[in-house]
Amino acid sequence: MNPDKTALVLIEFQNDFTSPGGALHDAVKGVMETTGTVPNAVKAVAAARAAGVHVVHCPISFAPGYGELDPEPYGILAGVVGTNAFVQGQWGSEIVADLTPAEGDIVIAGKRGLDAFWSSDLDFVLRQRSIETVVLAGYLTNCCVESTMRTAYEKHYEVYTLTDAVAATSQEEHDNAIKYDYPMFSKPVTVEEFADILEGADAEDTSRGY
């Protein structure tokens, strides 16, 4: 893994998921507690910044009234509308304080659907920075993270997923996605394994005199 050509992509670490009182927090808090989703993401970000990996935030948000969406959404987007989640300008759509973007981080604009590439400028930004490897974390394990993973794989990025920095609405869904789907489209690793990979890359560069 070349840190200069790697991006840690944080998907929807926003209060509506991460924080008590968030519109969808109760749905994911059980798995979050099991995996340590946010604390592990904080560790991943620290390791990434220390190694010189690009940190990329991919929040989702909608205008009040959800005018961007079908008037009669179904599936998961119906749940977003029904709970009044991720509304622009409201606390619920803000990135959780523990992962507040730092100077030099990149915040992707335009995410409106599940796949972080589909309606946003994510691919453009990654290509501009000559990114070859993406490392994914966030919500939901089996939805936005997996959708983004599949597209990144199809776009010929090298894809890693952080298995203990993601969460779903049930432990079963979370575990099944990681066991059966993640290995098909990515290299699943823990945050600790990710940090070890970066340390190994740094040691190799040092030995070469970089």
C-alpha atoms as a PDB file:
ATOM      1  CA  MET A   1       0.000   0.000   0.000  1.00  0.00           C
ATOM      2  CA  ASN A   2       1.444   3.335  -1.093  1.00  0.00           C
ATOM      3  CA  PRO A   3       0.108   5.969   1.342  1.00  0.00           C
ATOM      4  CA  ASP A   4       0.463   8.743  -1.249  1.00  0.00           C
ATOM      5  CA  LYS A   5      -1.887   6.863  -3.550  1.00  0.00           C
ATOM      6  CA  THR A   6      -4.314   5.685  -0.863  1.00  0.00           C
ATOM      7  CA  ALA A   7      -7.540   7.277   0.400  1.00  0.00           C
ATOM      8  CA  LEU A   8      -9.420   6.407   3.574  1.00  0.00           C
ATOM      9  CA  VAL A   9     -13.065   6.986   2.615  1.00  0.00           C
ATOM     10  CA  LEU A  10     -15.402   7.616   5.553  1.00  0.00           C
ATOM     11  CA  ILE A  11     -19.033   7.055   4.596  1.00  0.00           C
ATOM     12  CA  GLU A  12     -21.805   8.816   6.528  1.00  0.00           C
ATOM     13  CA  PHE A  13     -20.175   9.233   9.928  1.00  0.00           C
ATOM     14  CA  GLN A  14     -22.958  11.698  10.709  1.00  0.00           C
ATOM     15  CA  ASN A  15     -24.938  12.332  13.862  1.00  0.00           C
ATOM     16  CA  ASP A  16     -28.107  10.732  12.543  1.00  0.00           C
ATOM     17  CA  PHE A  17     -26.196   7.428  12.636  1.00  0.00           C
ATOM     18  CA  THR A  18     -23.436   7.937  15.162  1.00  0.00           C
ATOM     19  CA  SER A  19     -24.945   9.909  18.025  1.00  0.00           C
ATOM     20  CA  PRO A  20     -27.703   9.423  20.617  1.00  0.00           C
ATOM     21  CA  GLY A  21     -30.703  11.397  19.439  1.00  0.00           C
ATOM     22  CA  GLY A  22     -29.840  10.849  15.790  1.00  0.00           C
ATOM     23  CA  ALA A  23     -32.740   9.797  13.587  1.00  0.00           C
ATOM     24  CA  LEU A  24     -31.249   6.387  12.779  1.00  0.00           C
ATOM     25  CA  HIS A  25     -28.957   5.903  15.766  1.00  0.00           C
ATOM     26  CA  ASP A  26     -31.159   3.401  17.583  1.00  0.00           C
ATOM     27  CA  ALA A  27     -31.177   1.198  14.480  1.00  0.00           C
ATOM     28  CA  VAL A  28     -27.378   0.852  14.408  1.00  0.00           C
ATOM     29  CA  LYS A  29     -26.255   1.364  18.001  1.00  0.00           C
ATOM     30  CA  GLY A  30     -26.223  -2.354  18.823  1.00  0.00           C
ATOM     31  CA  VAL A  31     -23.754  -3.201  16.069  1.00  0.00           C
ATOM     32  CA  MET A  32     -21.809  -0.009  16.753  1.00  0.00           C
ATOM     33  CA  GLU A  33     -21.289  -1.120  20.336  1.00  0.00           C
ATOM     34  CA  THR A  34     -20.229  -4.604  19.234  1.00  0.00           C
ATOM     35  CA  THR A  35     -17.704  -3.392  16.669  1.00  0.00           C
ATOM     36  CA  GLY A  36     -16.585  -0.126  18.267  1.00  0.00           C
ATOM     37  CA  THR A  37     -17.349   1.563  14.967  1.00  0.00           C
ATOM     38  CA  VAL A  38     -16.604   5.200  15.792  1.00  0.00           C
ATOM     39  CA  PRO A  39     -13.600   4.670  18.118  1.00  0.00           C
ATOM     40  CA  ASN A  40     -12.089   2.337  15.538  1.00  0.00           C
ATOM     41  CA  ALA A  41     -12.691   4.856  12.775  1.00  0.00           C
ATOM     42  CA  VAL A  42     -10.917   7.481  14.884  1.00  0.00           C
ATOM     43  CA  LYS A  43      -7.936   5.113  15.184  1.00  0.00           C
ATOM     44  CA  ALA A  44      -7.981   4.500  11.443  1.00  0.00           C
ATOM     45  CA  VAL A  45      -7.965   8.221  10.730  1.00  0.00           C
ATOM     46  CA  ALA A  46      -5.064   8.783  13.111  1.00  0.00           C
ATOM     47  CA  ALA A  47      -3.052   6.035  11.435  1.00  0.00           C
ATOM     48  CA  ALA A  48      -3.945   7.359   7.985  1.00  0.00           C
ATOM     49  CA  ARG A  49      -2.947  10.930   8.765  1.00  0.00           C
ATOM     50  CA  ALA A  50       0.310   9.818  10.373  1.00  0.00           C
ATOM     51  CA  ALA A  51       1.202   7.854   7.230  1.00  0.00           C
ATOM     52  CA  GLY A  52       0.164  10.542   4.757  1.00  0.00           C
ATOM     53  CA  VAL A  53      -2.967   8.768   3.500  1.00  0.00           C
ATOM     54  CA  HIS A  54      -5.679  11.042   2.100  1.00  0.00           C
ATOM     55  CA  VAL A  55      -8.708  11.250   4.417  1.00  0.00           C
ATOM     56  CA  VAL A  56     -11.973  11.617   2.502  1.00  0.00           C
ATOM     57  CA  HIS A  57     -15.380  12.237   4.103  1.00  0.00           C
ATOM     58  CA  CYS A  58     -18.526  11.204   2.211  1.00  0.00           C
ATOM     59  CA  PRO A  59     -21.587  12.558   4.038  1.00  0.00           C
ATOM     60  CA  ILE A  60     -25.096  12.247   2.611  1.00  0.00           C
ATOM     61  CA  SER A  61     -27.593  15.104   2.804  1.00  0.00           C
ATOM     62  CA  PHE A  62     -30.840  16.322   1.307  1.00  0.00           C
ATOM     63  CA  ALA A  63     -32.621  19.646   1.053  1.00  0.00           C
ATOM     64  CA  PRO A  64     -35.587  20.074   3.411  1.00  0.00           C
ATOM     65  CA  GLY A  65     -38.516  18.232   1.849  1.00  0.00           C
ATOM     66  CA  TYR A  66     -36.260  15.760  -0.013  1.00  0.00           C
ATOM     67  CA  GLY A  67     -36.947  17.325  -3.370  1.00  0.00           C
ATOM     68  CA  GLU A  68     -34.005  15.415  -4.869  1.00  0.00           C
ATOM     69  CA  LEU A  69     -35.768  12.081  -4.354  1.00  0.00           C
ATOM     70  CA  ASP A  70     -38.744  10.333  -5.883  1.00  0.00           C
ATOM     71  CA  PRO A  71     -41.947  11.650  -4.284  1.00  0.00           C
ATOM     72  CA  GLU A  72     -42.734   8.086  -3.232  1.00  0.00           C
ATOM     73  CA  PRO A  73     -39.376   6.525  -2.313  1.00  0.00           C
ATOM     74  CA  TYR A  74     -39.189   2.887  -1.298  1.00  0.00           C
ATOM     75  CA  GLY A  75     -36.607   0.721   0.399  1.00  0.00           C
ATOM     76  CA  ILE A  76     -33.930   2.340   2.503  1.00  0.00           C
ATOM     77  CA  LEU A  77     -34.523   5.843   1.151  1.00  0.00           C
ATOM     78  CA  ALA A  78     -38.120   5.603   2.345  1.00  0.00           C
ATOM     79  CA  GLY A  79     -36.655   5.041   5.803  1.00  0.00           C
ATOM     80  CA  VAL A  80     -34.476   8.120   5.462  1.00  0.00           C
ATOM     81  CA  VAL A  81     -37.436  10.272   4.481  1.00  0.00           C
ATOM     82  CA  GLY A  82     -39.727   8.716   7.072  1.00  0.00           C
ATOM     83  CA  THR A  83     -37.317   9.529   9.908  1.00  0.00           C
ATOM     84  CA  ASN A  84     -36.419  12.981   8.547  1.00  0.00           C
ATOM     85  CA  ALA A  85     -32.762  12.006   8.474  1.00  0.00           C
ATOM     86  CA  PHE A  86     -29.770  13.777   6.903  1.00  0.00           C
ATOM     87  CA  VAL A  87     -31.430  17.111   6.239  1.00  0.00           C
ATOM     88  CA  GLN A  88     -29.010  19.828   5.179  1.00  0.00           C
ATOM     89  CA  GLY A  89     -28.279  22.403   7.853  1.00  0.00           C
ATOM     90  CA  GLN A  90     -29.518  20.250  10.715  1.00  0.00           C
ATOM     91  CA  TRP A  91     -27.468  18.661  13.485  1.00  0.00           C
ATOM     92  CA  GLY A  92     -28.275  15.156  12.270  1.00  0.00           C
ATOM     93  CA  SER A  93     -26.483  15.673   8.959  1.00  0.00           C
ATOM     94  CA  GLU A  94     -23.305  17.032  10.564  1.00  0.00           C
ATOM     95  CA  ILE A  95     -20.212  14.833  10.708  1.00  0.00           C
ATOM     96  CA  VAL A  96     -19.764  13.485  14.239  1.00  0.00           C
ATOM     97  CA  ALA A  97     -17.426  15.621  16.347  1.00  0.00           C
ATOM     98  CA  ASP A  98     -14.905  12.794  16.882  1.00  0.00           C
ATOM     99  CA  LEU A  99     -14.297  12.722  13.128  1.00  0.00           C
ATOM    100  CA  THR A 100     -14.504  16.434  12.343  1.00  0.00           C
ATOM    101  CA  PRO A 101     -12.607  17.023   9.092  1.00  0.00           C
ATOM    102  CA  ALA A 102      -9.131  18.391   9.698  1.00  0.00           C
ATOM    103  CA  GLU A 103      -7.134  20.726   7.515  1.00  0.00           C
ATOM    104  CA  GLY A 104      -6.124  18.786   4.445  1.00  0.00           C
ATOM    105  CA  ASP A 105      -9.044  16.365   4.592  1.00  0.00           C
ATOM    106  CA  ILE A 106     -11.414  16.217   1.639  1.00  0.00           C
ATOM    107  CA  VAL A 107     -15.194  16.480   2.025  1.00  0.00           C
ATOM    108  CA  ILE A 108     -17.070  15.042  -0.948  1.00  0.00           C
ATOM    109  CA  ALA A 109     -20.133  16.912  -2.170  1.00  0.00           C
ATOM    110  CA  GLY A 110     -23.301  15.541  -3.704  1.00  0.00           C
ATOM    111  CA  LYS A 111     -23.892  12.138  -2.133  1.00  0.00           C
ATOM    112  CA  ARG A 112     -27.643  11.541  -2.437  1.00  0.00           C
ATOM    113  CA  GLY A 113     -27.875   7.785  -2.905  1.00  0.00           C
ATOM    114  CA  LEU A 114     -26.258   4.606  -1.643  1.00  0.00           C
ATOM    115  CA  ASP A 115     -23.132   4.296  -3.783  1.00  0.00           C
ATOM    116  CA  ALA A 116     -20.768   7.135  -2.831  1.00  0.00           C
ATOM    117  CA  PHE A 117     -19.564   7.336  -6.448  1.00  0.00           C
ATOM    118  CA  TRP A 118     -22.944   7.606  -8.131  1.00  0.00           C
ATOM    119  CA  SER A 119     -24.141  11.182  -7.557  1.00  0.00           C
ATOM    120  CA  SER A 120     -21.002  12.756  -6.119  1.00  0.00           C
ATOM    121  CA  ASP A 121     -17.605  13.959  -7.308  1.00  0.00           C
ATOM    122  CA  LEU A 122     -15.765  11.174  -5.447  1.00  0.00           C
ATOM    123  CA  ASP A 123     -14.256   9.501  -8.507  1.00  0.00           C
ATOM    124  CA  PHE A 124     -13.154  12.847  -9.953  1.00  0.00           C
ATOM    125  CA  VAL A 125     -11.429  13.814  -6.696  1.00  0.00           C
ATOM    126  CA  LEU A 126      -9.691  10.449  -6.333  1.00  0.00           C
ATOM    127  CA  ARG A 127      -8.474  10.511  -9.934  1.00  0.00           C
ATOM    128  CA  GLN A 128      -7.178  14.075  -9.528  1.00  0.00           C
ATOM    129  CA  ARG A 129      -4.998  12.853  -6.652  1.00  0.00           C
ATOM    130  CA  SER A 130      -3.858   9.722  -8.508  1.00  0.00           C
ATOM    131  CA  ILE A 131      -5.456   7.474  -5.898  1.00  0.00           C
ATOM    132  CA  GLU A 132      -5.070   3.752  -6.602  1.00  0.00           C
ATOM    133  CA  THR A 133      -6.223   2.254  -3.287  1.00  0.00           C
ATOM    134  CA  VAL A 134      -9.393   3.060  -1.343  1.00  0.00           C
ATOM    135  CA  VAL A 135     -10.018   1.977   2.235  1.00  0.00           C
ATOM    136  CA  LEU A 136     -13.695   2.067   3.246  1.00  0.00           C
ATOM    137  CA  ALA A 137     -15.436   2.575   6.592  1.00  0.00           C
ATOM    138  CA  GLY A 138     -18.886   3.731   7.661  1.00  0.00           C
ATOM    139  CA  TYR A 139     -22.592   3.023   7.324  1.00  0.00           C
ATOM    140  CA  LEU A 140     -24.256   0.770   6.514  1.00  0.00           C
ATOM    141  CA  THR A 141     -22.085  -2.339   6.316  1.00  0.00           C
ATOM    142  CA  ASN A 142     -24.395  -3.976   3.784  1.00  0.00           C
ATOM    143  CA  CYS A 143     -25.683  -0.872   2.039  1.00  0.00           C
ATOM    144  CA  CYS A 144     -23.678   2.284   1.316  1.00  0.00           C
ATOM    145  CA  VAL A 145     -20.319   0.762   2.242  1.00  0.00           C
ATOM    146  CA  GLU A 146     -20.957  -2.348   0.185  1.00  0.00           C
ATOM    147  CA  SER A 147     -22.411  -0.386  -2.740  1.00  0.00           C
ATOM    148  CA  THR A 148     -19.363   1.884  -2.799  1.00  0.00           C
ATOM    149  CA  MET A 149     -17.050  -1.125  -2.475  1.00  0.00           C
ATOM    150  CA  ARG A 150     -18.563  -2.833  -5.484  1.00  0.00           C
ATOM    151  CA  THR A 151     -18.245   0.260  -7.670  1.00  0.00           C
ATOM    152  CA  ALA A 152     -14.667   0.910  -6.532  1.00  0.00           C
ATOM    153  CA  TYR A 153     -13.840  -2.686  -7.467  1.00  0.00           C
ATOM    154  CA  GLU A 154     -15.440  -2.262 -10.899  1.00  0.00           C
ATOM    155  CA  LYS A 155     -13.511   0.993 -11.396  1.00  0.00           C
ATOM    156  CA  HIS A 156     -10.281  -0.927 -10.796  1.00  0.00           C
ATOM    157  CA  TYR A 157      -9.272   0.637  -7.521  1.00  0.00           C
ATOM    158  CA  GLU A 158      -7.583  -1.632  -5.026  1.00  0.00           C
ATOM    159  CA  VAL A 159     -10.246  -1.878  -2.317  1.00  0.00           C
ATOM    160  CA  TYR A 160      -9.891  -2.536   1.407  1.00  0.00           C
ATOM    161  CA  THR A 161     -12.760  -2.510   3.904  1.00  0.00           C
ATOM    162  CA  LEU A 162     -12.334  -1.970   7.641  1.00  0.00           C
ATOM    163  CA  THR A 163     -14.500  -4.685   9.176  1.00  0.00           C
ATOM    164  CA  ASP A 164     -14.573  -3.148  12.662  1.00  0.00           C
ATOM    165  CA  ALA A 165     -15.254   0.409  11.502  1.00  0.00           C
ATOM    166  CA  VAL A 166     -18.603  -0.322   9.826  1.00  0.00           C
ATOM    167  CA  ALA A 167     -22.079  -0.978  11.225  1.00  0.00           C
ATOM    168  CA  ALA A 168     -25.492  -2.202  10.060  1.00  0.00           C
ATOM    169  CA  THR A 169     -29.004  -2.315  11.460  1.00  0.00           C
ATOM    170  CA  SER A 170     -28.572  -5.892  12.699  1.00  0.00           C
ATOM    171  CA  GLN A 171     -25.653  -8.083  13.687  1.00  0.00           C
ATOM    172  CA  GLU A 172     -26.794 -10.757  11.238  1.00  0.00           C
ATOM    173  CA  GLU A 173     -26.755  -8.390   8.262  1.00  0.00           C
ATOM    174  CA  HIS A 174     -23.390  -6.993   9.353  1.00  0.00           C
ATOM    175  CA  ASP A 175     -21.780 -10.398   9.812  1.00  0.00           C
ATOM    176  CA  ASN A 176     -23.197 -11.863   6.600  1.00  0.00           C
ATOM    177  CA  ALA A 177     -21.957  -8.962   4.487  1.00  0.00           C
ATOM    178  CA  ILE A 178     -18.464  -9.202   5.915  1.00  0.00           C
ATOM    179  CA  LYS A 179     -18.334 -12.988   5.625  1.00  0.00           C
ATOM    180  CA  TYR A 180     -19.858 -13.485   2.192  1.00  0.00           C
ATOM    181  CA  ASP A 181     -19.800 -10.224   0.214  1.00  0.00           C
ATOM    182  CA  TYR A 182     -16.764  -8.251   1.332  1.00  0.00           C
ATOM    183  CA  PRO A 183     -14.184 -10.854   0.217  1.00  0.00           C
ATOM    184  CA  MET A 184     -15.695 -10.847  -3.285  1.00  0.00           C
ATOM    185  CA  PHE A 185     -15.099  -7.148  -3.868  1.00  0.00           C
ATOM    186  CA  SER A 186     -12.391  -6.090  -1.408  1.00  0.00           C
ATOM    187  CA  LYS A 187      -9.651  -7.073   0.983  1.00  0.00           C
ATOM    188  CA  PRO A 188     -11.356  -7.082   4.406  1.00  0.00           C
ATOM    189  CA  VAL A 189      -9.070  -6.026   7.260  1.00  0.00           C
ATOM    190  CA  THR A 190      -9.421  -4.736  10.796  1.00  0.00           C
ATOM    191  CA  VAL A 191      -8.300  -1.252  11.747  1.00  0.00           C
ATOM    192  CA  GLU A 192      -5.310  -2.737  13.546  1.00  0.00           C
ATOM    193  CA  GLU A 193      -4.338  -4.661  10.414  1.00  0.00           C
ATOM    194  CA  PHE A 194      -4.719  -1.483   8.354  1.00  0.00           C
ATOM    195  CA  ALA A 195      -2.403   0.384  10.731  1.00  0.00           C
ATOM    196  CA  ASP A 196       0.129  -2.462  10.530  1.00  0.00           C
ATOM    197  CA  ILE A 197       0.047  -2.320   6.732  1.00  0.00           C
ATOM    198  CA  LEU A 198       0.769   1.406   6.852  1.00  0.00           C
ATOM    199  CA  GLU A 199       3.595   0.912   9.320  1.00  0.00           C
ATOM    200  CA  GLY A 200       5.074  -1.704   7.015  1.00  0.00           C
ATOM    201  CA  ALA A 201       4.838   0.658   4.057  1.00  0.00           C
ATOM    202  CA  ASP A 202       6.519   3.408   6.063  1.00  0.00           C
ATOM    203  CA  ALA A 203       9.302   1.063   7.171  1.00  0.00           C
ATOM    204  CA  GLU A 204       9.874  -0.027   3.579  1.00  0.00           C
ATOM    205  CA  ASP A 205      10.119   3.583   2.407  1.00  0.00           C
ATOM    206  CA  THR A 206      12.552   4.359   5.228  1.00  0.00           C
ATOM    207  CA  SER A 207      14.753   1.410   4.286  1.00  0.00           C
ATOM    208  CA  ARG A 208      14.855   2.738   0.724  1.00  0.00           C
ATOM    209  CA  GLY A 209      15.853   6.186   1.929  1.00  0.00           C
ATOM    210  CA  TYR A 210      12.577   7.923   0.948  1.00  0.00           C
END
